[in-house]
Amino acid sequence: MAIPKEIAQDVVDPKAYADWHRSHAAFAWLRKNAPLDVAEVEGFDPFWVVTRHADILNVERQNDLFHNEDRSATLTTIEADRRVREMMGGSPNLLRSLVQMDNPDHMQYRRLTQS
């Protein structure tokens, strides 16, 4: 089952977040009906929407399966991704912080700052 187009659109539309009721309704619907599903919105590559805390933790713990460096950590359009990759020599990220790193770099940098 795919996320309905109007719900998926609310996930990517900044105006939906300005309208608390609209964004709240979209995510309430997602948590109830499609807590872990793929959104397909025109202008964006298909992307996973993970709405339940336990599922988010499960994803975060599977670094070998879910990567941070392959795609931008910020939801972005296909066109914006293309432009950033052009500027950054193929990287989808304008900057590289822990959020954009995979292991072994992520853990090495994290160890520097943990204490």
N, C-alpha and C. Protein backbone atom coordinates (compact mmCIF):
# COMPACT_ATOMS: atom_id res chain seq x y z
N MET A 1 0.84 -1.19 0.00
CA MET A 1 0.00 0.00 0.00
C MET A 1 0.88 1.25 0.00
N ALA A 2 0.64 2.14 -0.90
CA ALA A 2 1.39 3.40 -0.94
C ALA A 2 0.66 4.45 -0.11
N ILE A 3 1.41 5.39 0.38
CA ILE A 3 0.82 6.50 1.12
C ILE A 3 -0.02 7.31 0.13
N PRO A 4 -1.26 7.66 0.49
CA PRO A 4 -2.07 8.48 -0.41
C PRO A 4 -1.36 9.78 -0.79
N LYS A 5 -1.54 10.19 -2.02
CA LYS A 5 -0.83 11.37 -2.56
C LYS A 5 -1.01 12.61 -1.68
N GLU A 6 -2.24 12.86 -1.20
CA GLU A 6 -2.46 14.09 -0.42
C GLU A 6 -1.75 14.04 0.93
N ILE A 7 -1.63 12.86 1.52
CA ILE A 7 -0.89 12.73 2.78
C ILE A 7 0.60 12.89 2.52
N ALA A 8 1.10 12.23 1.48
CA ALA A 8 2.52 12.35 1.13
C ALA A 8 2.88 13.80 0.81
N GLN A 9 1.99 14.50 0.14
CA GLN A 9 2.22 15.91 -0.19
C GLN A 9 2.35 16.74 1.09
N ASP A 10 1.53 16.43 2.10
CA ASP A 10 1.61 17.17 3.36
C ASP A 10 2.96 16.96 4.06
N VAL A 11 3.58 15.82 3.85
CA VAL A 11 4.88 15.55 4.46
C VAL A 11 5.96 16.46 3.89
N VAL A 12 5.87 16.80 2.60
CA VAL A 12 6.91 17.60 1.95
C VAL A 12 6.56 19.09 1.83
N ASP A 13 5.34 19.46 2.10
CA ASP A 13 4.89 20.84 1.90
C ASP A 13 5.14 21.70 3.14
N PRO A 14 6.04 22.68 3.07
CA PRO A 14 6.30 23.54 4.24
C PRO A 14 5.03 24.22 4.77
N LYS A 15 4.09 24.52 3.88
CA LYS A 15 2.84 25.16 4.32
C LYS A 15 2.03 24.26 5.25
N ALA A 16 2.17 22.94 5.10
CA ALA A 16 1.47 22.02 5.98
C ALA A 16 1.97 22.15 7.41
N TYR A 17 3.26 22.46 7.57
CA TYR A 17 3.82 22.60 8.91
C TYR A 17 3.46 23.94 9.55
N ALA A 18 3.13 24.91 8.74
CA ALA A 18 2.66 26.19 9.26
C ALA A 18 1.23 26.06 9.78
N ASP A 19 0.51 25.07 9.27
CA ASP A 19 -0.86 24.79 9.70
C ASP A 19 -0.80 23.55 10.60
N TRP A 20 -0.69 23.77 11.89
CA TRP A 20 -0.49 22.68 12.84
C TRP A 20 -1.53 21.57 12.65
N HIS A 21 -2.77 21.94 12.43
CA HIS A 21 -3.83 20.94 12.30
C HIS A 21 -3.61 20.06 11.07
N ARG A 22 -3.16 20.66 10.00
CA ARG A 22 -2.93 19.90 8.76
C ARG A 22 -1.80 18.90 8.94
N SER A 23 -0.66 19.34 9.45
CA SER A 23 0.47 18.42 9.63
C SER A 23 0.15 17.37 10.70
N HIS A 24 -0.50 17.77 11.77
CA HIS A 24 -0.86 16.83 12.83
C HIS A 24 -1.80 15.75 12.29
N ALA A 25 -2.77 16.15 11.50
CA ALA A 25 -3.71 15.19 10.92
C ALA A 25 -3.00 14.22 9.97
N ALA A 26 -2.07 14.73 9.18
CA ALA A 26 -1.33 13.87 8.24
C ALA A 26 -0.52 12.82 9.00
N PHE A 27 0.21 13.25 10.02
CA PHE A 27 1.04 12.30 10.75
C PHE A 27 0.21 11.36 11.64
N ALA A 28 -0.92 11.83 12.15
CA ALA A 28 -1.81 10.93 12.89
C ALA A 28 -2.34 9.84 11.96
N TRP A 29 -2.72 10.23 10.74
CA TRP A 29 -3.19 9.25 9.76
C TRP A 29 -2.08 8.25 9.45
N LEU A 30 -0.86 8.75 9.24
CA LEU A 30 0.28 7.88 8.93
C LEU A 30 0.56 6.90 10.07
N ARG A 31 0.59 7.38 11.32
CA ARG A 31 0.86 6.49 12.44
C ARG A 31 -0.19 5.38 12.54
N LYS A 32 -1.43 5.70 12.23
CA LYS A 32 -2.52 4.72 12.33
C LYS A 32 -2.55 3.77 11.13
N ASN A 33 -2.35 4.27 9.91
CA ASN A 33 -2.60 3.50 8.71
C ASN A 33 -1.37 3.06 7.93
N ALA A 34 -0.29 3.80 8.04
CA ALA A 34 0.92 3.48 7.26
C ALA A 34 2.14 3.96 8.04
N PRO A 35 2.40 3.36 9.20
CA PRO A 35 3.48 3.87 10.06
C PRO A 35 4.87 3.72 9.48
N LEU A 36 5.03 2.82 8.53
CA LEU A 36 6.33 2.59 7.90
C LEU A 36 6.05 2.29 6.43
N ASP A 37 6.14 3.33 5.60
CA ASP A 37 5.74 3.17 4.21
C ASP A 37 6.51 4.16 3.33
N VAL A 38 6.38 3.98 2.04
CA VAL A 38 7.09 4.82 1.07
C VAL A 38 6.15 5.90 0.54
N ALA A 39 6.66 7.12 0.50
CA ALA A 39 5.93 8.24 -0.09
C ALA A 39 6.46 8.49 -1.49
N GLU A 40 5.55 8.74 -2.40
CA GLU A 40 5.91 9.10 -3.77
C GLU A 40 5.26 10.43 -4.10
N VAL A 41 6.11 11.45 -4.22
CA VAL A 41 5.63 12.81 -4.46
C VAL A 41 6.35 13.32 -5.70
N GLU A 42 5.61 13.95 -6.59
CA GLU A 42 6.21 14.49 -7.81
C GLU A 42 7.35 15.43 -7.47
N GLY A 43 8.49 15.24 -8.15
CA GLY A 43 9.65 16.10 -7.94
C GLY A 43 10.62 15.56 -6.90
N PHE A 44 10.25 14.49 -6.21
CA PHE A 44 11.08 13.88 -5.18
C PHE A 44 11.33 12.42 -5.54
N ASP A 45 12.50 11.91 -5.18
CA ASP A 45 12.69 10.48 -5.24
C ASP A 45 11.78 9.85 -4.20
N PRO A 46 11.28 8.65 -4.42
CA PRO A 46 10.49 7.98 -3.38
C PRO A 46 11.31 7.90 -2.08
N PHE A 47 10.64 8.08 -0.94
CA PHE A 47 11.33 8.06 0.34
C PHE A 47 10.47 7.39 1.41
N TRP A 48 11.15 6.80 2.37
CA TRP A 48 10.46 6.16 3.48
C TRP A 48 9.96 7.20 4.47
N VAL A 49 8.77 6.98 5.00
CA VAL A 49 8.21 7.78 6.08
C VAL A 49 8.06 6.84 7.27
N VAL A 50 8.76 7.15 8.34
CA VAL A 50 8.75 6.32 9.55
C VAL A 50 8.17 7.17 10.66
N THR A 51 7.02 6.77 11.21
CA THR A 51 6.28 7.67 12.10
C THR A 51 6.15 7.19 13.54
N ARG A 52 6.53 5.96 13.82
CA ARG A 52 6.41 5.46 15.19
C ARG A 52 7.79 5.39 15.84
N HIS A 53 7.84 5.81 17.11
CA HIS A 53 9.10 5.89 17.84
C HIS A 53 9.87 4.57 17.80
N ALA A 54 9.22 3.46 18.07
CA ALA A 54 9.90 2.17 18.08
C ALA A 54 10.50 1.85 16.72
N ASP A 55 9.81 2.19 15.65
CA ASP A 55 10.34 1.95 14.30
C ASP A 55 11.54 2.85 14.01
N ILE A 56 11.47 4.09 14.47
CA ILE A 56 12.59 5.02 14.28
C ILE A 56 13.83 4.47 14.98
N LEU A 57 13.66 4.01 16.22
CA LEU A 57 14.80 3.43 16.94
C LEU A 57 15.34 2.21 16.23
N ASN A 58 14.46 1.38 15.70
CA ASN A 58 14.88 0.19 14.97
C ASN A 58 15.71 0.57 13.74
N VAL A 59 15.27 1.57 13.01
CA VAL A 59 16.01 2.05 11.84
C VAL A 59 17.38 2.59 12.27
N GLU A 60 17.39 3.41 13.30
CA GLU A 60 18.63 4.02 13.76
C GLU A 60 19.68 3.00 14.19
N ARG A 61 19.25 1.85 14.64
CA ARG A 61 20.18 0.83 15.14
C ARG A 61 20.71 -0.08 14.04
N GLN A 62 20.23 0.06 12.83
CA GLN A 62 20.66 -0.81 11.74
C GLN A 62 21.51 -0.04 10.73
N ASN A 63 22.68 0.39 11.19
CA ASN A 63 23.56 1.21 10.37
C ASN A 63 24.06 0.50 9.12
N ASP A 64 24.14 -0.82 9.16
CA ASP A 64 24.59 -1.56 7.99
C ASP A 64 23.54 -1.57 6.89
N LEU A 65 22.28 -1.39 7.26
CA LEU A 65 21.18 -1.41 6.29
C LEU A 65 20.74 0.00 5.88
N PHE A 66 20.69 0.91 6.85
CA PHE A 66 20.22 2.27 6.60
C PHE A 66 21.41 3.23 6.66
N HIS A 67 21.73 3.84 5.54
CA HIS A 67 22.92 4.68 5.43
C HIS A 67 22.56 6.16 5.49
N ASN A 68 23.53 6.96 5.90
CA ASN A 68 23.36 8.41 5.99
C ASN A 68 24.07 9.16 4.87
N GLU A 69 25.09 8.56 4.28
CA GLU A 69 25.89 9.28 3.28
C GLU A 69 25.33 9.17 1.86
N ASP A 70 24.46 8.20 1.60
CA ASP A 70 23.97 7.96 0.24
C ASP A 70 23.02 9.03 -0.28
N ARG A 71 22.20 9.55 0.63
CA ARG A 71 21.21 10.57 0.28
C ARG A 71 21.29 11.69 1.29
N SER A 72 20.76 12.82 0.92
CA SER A 72 20.74 13.95 1.84
C SER A 72 19.92 13.60 3.08
N ALA A 73 20.40 14.01 4.25
CA ALA A 73 19.65 13.81 5.48
C ALA A 73 18.44 14.74 5.53
N THR A 74 18.45 15.75 4.70
CA THR A 74 17.34 16.69 4.59
C THR A 74 16.54 16.34 3.35
N LEU A 75 15.25 16.22 3.50
CA LEU A 75 14.40 15.92 2.36
C LEU A 75 14.55 17.02 1.31
N THR A 76 14.89 16.63 0.11
CA THR A 76 15.16 17.59 -0.94
C THR A 76 14.61 17.09 -2.27
N THR A 77 14.37 18.01 -3.16
CA THR A 77 13.85 17.64 -4.47
C THR A 77 14.93 16.98 -5.32
N ILE A 78 14.50 16.31 -6.36
CA ILE A 78 15.44 15.68 -7.29
C ILE A 78 16.37 16.74 -7.89
N GLU A 79 15.81 17.87 -8.26
CA GLU A 79 16.60 18.94 -8.87
C GLU A 79 17.61 19.53 -7.89
N ALA A 80 17.19 19.77 -6.65
CA ALA A 80 18.12 20.30 -5.65
C ALA A 80 19.23 19.29 -5.35
N ASP A 81 18.90 18.02 -5.30
CA ASP A 81 19.90 16.98 -5.08
C ASP A 81 20.92 16.98 -6.21
N ARG A 82 20.45 17.10 -7.43
CA ARG A 82 21.35 17.13 -8.59
C ARG A 82 22.33 18.30 -8.48
N ARG A 83 21.81 19.48 -8.14
CA ARG A 83 22.68 20.66 -8.04
C ARG A 83 23.70 20.52 -6.92
N VAL A 84 23.29 20.00 -5.77
CA VAL A 84 24.23 19.83 -4.66
C VAL A 84 25.31 18.83 -5.04
N ARG A 85 24.93 17.72 -5.65
CA ARG A 85 25.92 16.72 -6.06
C ARG A 85 26.91 17.31 -7.07
N GLU A 86 26.44 18.18 -7.95
CA GLU A 86 27.34 18.86 -8.90
C GLU A 86 28.36 19.71 -8.15
N MET A 87 27.90 20.48 -7.18
CA MET A 87 28.77 21.37 -6.42
C MET A 87 29.72 20.62 -5.50
N MET A 88 29.26 19.47 -4.96
CA MET A 88 30.01 18.77 -3.92
C MET A 88 30.74 17.53 -4.44
N GLY A 89 30.96 17.46 -5.74
CA GLY A 89 31.72 16.35 -6.29
C GLY A 89 31.06 14.99 -6.10
N GLY A 90 29.74 14.97 -6.15
CA GLY A 90 29.00 13.71 -6.04
C GLY A 90 28.34 13.49 -4.70
N SER A 91 28.74 14.21 -3.67
CA SER A 91 28.13 14.06 -2.35
C SER A 91 26.76 14.74 -2.34
N PRO A 92 25.77 14.12 -1.68
CA PRO A 92 24.45 14.74 -1.59
C PRO A 92 24.34 15.78 -0.47
N ASN A 93 25.43 16.00 0.27
CA ASN A 93 25.38 16.86 1.45
C ASN A 93 26.23 18.11 1.29
N LEU A 94 25.66 19.25 1.65
CA LEU A 94 26.41 20.51 1.60
C LEU A 94 27.45 20.58 2.71
N LEU A 95 27.20 19.91 3.82
CA LEU A 95 28.18 19.83 4.89
C LEU A 95 28.19 18.41 5.42
N ARG A 96 29.26 18.09 6.12
CA ARG A 96 29.41 16.73 6.63
C ARG A 96 29.54 16.78 8.15
N SER A 97 28.45 16.44 8.82
CA SER A 97 28.46 16.33 10.27
C SER A 97 28.16 14.88 10.63
N LEU A 98 28.06 14.58 11.91
CA LEU A 98 27.76 13.21 12.34
C LEU A 98 26.49 12.67 11.69
N VAL A 99 25.51 13.52 11.49
CA VAL A 99 24.24 13.10 10.90
C VAL A 99 24.44 12.56 9.48
N GLN A 100 25.41 13.09 8.76
CA GLN A 100 25.66 12.67 7.38
C GLN A 100 26.70 11.57 7.25
N MET A 101 27.24 11.08 8.35
CA MET A 101 28.32 10.08 8.30
C MET A 101 27.82 8.67 8.56
N ASP A 102 28.47 7.72 7.91
CA ASP A 102 28.30 6.30 8.21
C ASP A 102 29.59 5.82 8.87
N ASN A 103 29.54 4.61 9.42
CA ASN A 103 30.75 4.01 9.99
C ASN A 103 31.73 3.66 8.88
N PRO A 104 33.00 3.69 9.12
CA PRO A 104 33.64 3.86 10.43
C PRO A 104 33.81 5.32 10.85
N ASP A 105 33.65 6.27 9.92
CA ASP A 105 33.86 7.68 10.27
C ASP A 105 32.93 8.14 11.39
N HIS A 106 31.67 7.76 11.33
CA HIS A 106 30.71 8.21 12.33
C HIS A 106 31.18 7.86 13.73
N MET A 107 31.55 6.61 13.94
CA MET A 107 31.96 6.18 15.27
C MET A 107 33.27 6.84 15.68
N GLN A 108 34.20 7.01 14.77
CA GLN A 108 35.46 7.66 15.13
C GLN A 108 35.26 9.10 15.56
N TYR A 109 34.43 9.84 14.83
CA TYR A 109 34.13 11.22 15.22
C TYR A 109 33.31 11.27 16.50
N ARG A 110 32.39 10.34 16.65
CA ARG A 110 31.56 10.32 17.84
C ARG A 110 32.39 10.08 19.09
N ARG A 111 33.36 9.20 19.00
CA ARG A 111 34.24 8.92 20.15
C ARG A 111 35.00 10.18 20.59
N LEU A 112 35.32 11.03 19.63
CA LEU A 112 36.02 12.27 19.96
C LEU A 112 35.19 13.17 20.86
N THR A 113 33.86 13.13 20.70
CA THR A 113 33.00 14.08 21.40
C THR A 113 32.15 13.45 22.51
N GLN A 114 32.18 12.14 22.67
CA GLN A 114 31.29 11.48 23.63
C GLN A 114 31.52 11.92 25.07
N SER A 115 32.75 12.00 25.48
CA SER A 115 32.99 12.31 26.90
C SER A 115 32.65 13.76 27.20
